[in-house]
Amino acid sequence: MVQISDSATRTARDLRVVFSRLRRRIREVAQDADLTPSQESALSLVAKHGAATASALAVAEGVRPQSMATTLAALDQQGLIRRSPDPTDGRRQLVTLTEAGQARVEGNRQVRGEWLARAFEERYTEEERETMRTAFGLLERLSQP
């Protein structure tokens, strides 16, 4: 078994804490009061995957199909998604975004991106931003298999 150093353990902990706080802050920036975090996440997932079944979305989100069905029902009720018959299997339905759903996703993405860019501009020097870009390259290795 590989011995893990104290510095690796501390770095892992600090990274999780900072990413968690940053993720929460980014979500707050464009958070819609009428959507739960689960609904926001599912809406983004539909935008990312395009037409998909509820069960495929549940797998992608890592939730039970019943939970995804409840979340999708709420999004459908708000007019953010539409369901249509799967052309290859009439027993299933495909979920896609409505124009309102697409506008919501794009608007949130834009607001969050602008907030983050403005925060980098206002809170960090060019040298600090360059250091971060270098660190992002190193962190990218964590996302690789």
Protein backbone atom coordinates (compact mmCIF):
# COMPACT_ATOMS: atom_id res chain seq x y z
CA MET A 1 0.00 0.00 0.00
CA VAL A 2 1.24 3.48 -0.90
CA GLN A 3 1.99 5.76 2.04
CA ILE A 4 0.17 9.09 1.68
CA SER A 5 2.03 12.13 2.93
CA ASP A 6 0.55 14.68 5.29
CA SER A 7 0.96 17.36 2.63
CA ALA A 8 -1.03 15.31 0.08
CA THR A 9 -3.79 14.75 2.64
CA ARG A 10 -3.93 18.47 3.56
CA THR A 11 -3.89 19.51 -0.10
CA ALA A 12 -6.74 17.12 -0.91
CA ARG A 13 -8.80 18.43 2.00
CA ASP A 14 -8.14 22.09 1.17
CA LEU A 15 -8.99 21.52 -2.50
CA ARG A 16 -12.31 19.88 -1.63
CA VAL A 17 -13.22 22.72 0.72
CA VAL A 18 -12.31 25.49 -1.74
CA PHE A 19 -14.06 23.78 -4.67
CA SER A 20 -17.16 23.19 -2.58
CA ARG A 21 -17.32 26.84 -1.50
CA LEU A 22 -16.64 28.11 -5.03
CA ARG A 23 -19.25 25.81 -6.54
CA ARG A 24 -21.81 26.97 -3.99
CA ARG A 25 -20.94 30.63 -4.65
CA ILE A 26 -21.20 30.22 -8.43
CA ARG A 27 -24.61 28.57 -8.03
CA GLU A 28 -25.80 31.43 -5.80
CA VAL A 29 -24.92 34.01 -8.44
CA ALA A 30 -27.63 32.91 -10.89
CA GLN A 31 -29.77 30.79 -8.65
CA ASP A 32 -33.41 31.07 -9.48
CA ALA A 33 -35.64 31.18 -6.44
CA ASP A 34 -38.21 29.00 -8.19
CA LEU A 35 -35.81 26.09 -8.87
CA THR A 36 -34.31 23.69 -6.37
CA PRO A 37 -30.63 22.73 -6.75
CA SER A 38 -31.79 19.33 -8.09
CA GLN A 39 -33.98 21.02 -10.68
CA GLU A 40 -31.17 23.39 -11.73
CA SER A 41 -28.81 20.44 -12.06
CA ALA A 42 -31.30 18.40 -14.10
CA LEU A 43 -32.00 21.36 -16.37
CA SER A 44 -28.28 21.74 -17.05
CA LEU A 45 -28.00 18.01 -17.64
CA VAL A 46 -30.77 18.06 -20.26
CA ALA A 47 -29.03 21.01 -21.94
CA LYS A 48 -25.75 19.11 -21.97
CA HIS A 49 -27.08 15.75 -23.18
CA GLY A 50 -29.82 16.89 -25.52
CA ALA A 51 -32.74 14.52 -26.04
CA ALA A 52 -32.53 11.79 -23.40
CA THR A 53 -34.77 9.48 -21.44
CA ALA A 54 -35.50 10.10 -17.79
CA SER A 55 -33.67 6.90 -16.87
CA ALA A 56 -30.56 7.96 -18.82
CA LEU A 57 -30.64 11.33 -17.07
CA ALA A 58 -30.99 9.60 -13.70
CA VAL A 59 -27.90 7.49 -14.41
CA ALA A 60 -25.94 10.55 -15.57
CA GLU A 61 -26.97 12.48 -12.46
CA GLY A 62 -26.40 9.54 -10.12
CA VAL A 63 -29.92 9.55 -8.70
CA ARG A 64 -32.79 7.06 -8.58
CA PRO A 65 -35.16 7.09 -11.56
CA GLN A 66 -38.05 8.03 -9.23
CA SER A 67 -36.14 11.09 -8.01
CA MET A 68 -35.39 12.16 -11.57
CA ALA A 69 -39.05 11.66 -12.54
CA THR A 70 -40.13 13.98 -9.72
CA THR A 71 -37.55 16.59 -10.71
CA LEU A 72 -38.53 16.41 -14.39
CA ALA A 73 -42.23 16.73 -13.50
CA ALA A 74 -41.49 20.02 -11.73
CA LEU A 75 -39.48 21.30 -14.71
CA ASP A 76 -42.26 20.23 -17.07
CA GLN A 77 -44.82 22.05 -14.94
CA GLN A 78 -42.77 25.24 -15.25
CA GLY A 79 -42.54 24.86 -19.03
CA LEU A 80 -38.77 24.37 -19.07
CA ILE A 81 -38.73 20.88 -20.65
CA ARG A 82 -40.89 18.95 -23.07
CA ARG A 83 -41.42 15.25 -23.43
CA SER A 84 -41.92 13.55 -26.78
CA PRO A 85 -42.18 9.91 -27.83
CA ASP A 86 -38.90 8.15 -28.54
CA PRO A 87 -38.97 7.38 -32.27
CA THR A 88 -37.13 4.09 -31.68
CA ASP A 89 -39.23 2.92 -28.72
CA GLY A 90 -42.75 4.27 -28.33
CA ARG A 91 -42.88 3.14 -24.69
CA ARG A 92 -40.24 5.70 -23.73
CA GLN A 93 -40.24 9.48 -23.81
CA LEU A 94 -37.37 11.78 -24.67
CA VAL A 95 -36.82 14.90 -22.61
CA THR A 96 -35.59 18.11 -24.26
CA LEU A 97 -35.49 21.78 -23.31
CA THR A 98 -38.20 24.18 -24.37
CA GLU A 99 -37.18 27.61 -25.62
CA ALA A 100 -37.79 28.91 -22.10
CA GLY A 101 -35.59 26.17 -20.65
CA GLN A 102 -32.80 26.89 -23.13
CA ALA A 103 -33.02 30.60 -22.39
CA ARG A 104 -32.83 29.90 -18.65
CA VAL A 105 -29.75 27.69 -19.01
CA GLU A 106 -27.97 30.13 -21.33
CA GLY A 107 -28.84 33.10 -19.13
CA ASN A 108 -27.53 31.38 -16.01
CA ARG A 109 -24.37 30.29 -17.81
CA GLN A 110 -23.74 33.86 -18.99
CA VAL A 111 -24.39 35.43 -15.58
CA ARG A 112 -22.11 32.94 -13.84
CA GLY A 113 -19.36 33.36 -16.41
CA GLU A 114 -19.52 37.15 -16.16
CA TRP A 115 -19.47 37.04 -12.36
CA LEU A 116 -16.42 34.76 -12.34
CA ALA A 117 -14.51 36.83 -14.93
CA ARG A 118 -15.31 40.05 -13.03
CA ALA A 119 -14.18 38.46 -9.75
CA PHE A 120 -10.87 37.41 -11.34
CA GLU A 121 -10.43 40.92 -12.76
CA GLU A 122 -11.23 42.72 -9.50
CA ARG A 123 -9.59 40.42 -6.95
CA TYR A 124 -6.40 39.21 -8.65
CA THR A 125 -3.45 40.70 -10.44
CA GLU A 126 -2.43 39.50 -13.90
CA GLU A 127 0.46 37.62 -12.30
CA GLU A 128 -1.93 35.86 -9.87
CA ARG A 129 -4.25 34.94 -12.74
CA GLU A 130 -1.29 33.47 -14.62
CA THR A 131 -0.38 31.43 -11.52
CA MET A 132 -3.95 30.14 -11.40
CA ARG A 133 -3.88 29.18 -15.08
CA THR A 134 -0.71 27.21 -14.40
CA ALA A 135 -2.35 25.52 -11.41
CA PHE A 136 -5.40 24.66 -13.52
CA GLY A 137 -3.11 22.81 -15.90
CA LEU A 138 -1.77 20.80 -12.98
CA LEU A 139 -5.27 20.18 -11.61
CA GLU A 140 -6.40 18.98 -15.02
CA ARG A 141 -4.35 15.82 -14.35
CA LEU A 142 -6.77 14.96 -11.53
CA SER A 143 -9.62 14.74 -14.01
CA GLN A 144 -7.77 12.27 -16.22
CA PRO A 145 -8.29 8.51 -15.73
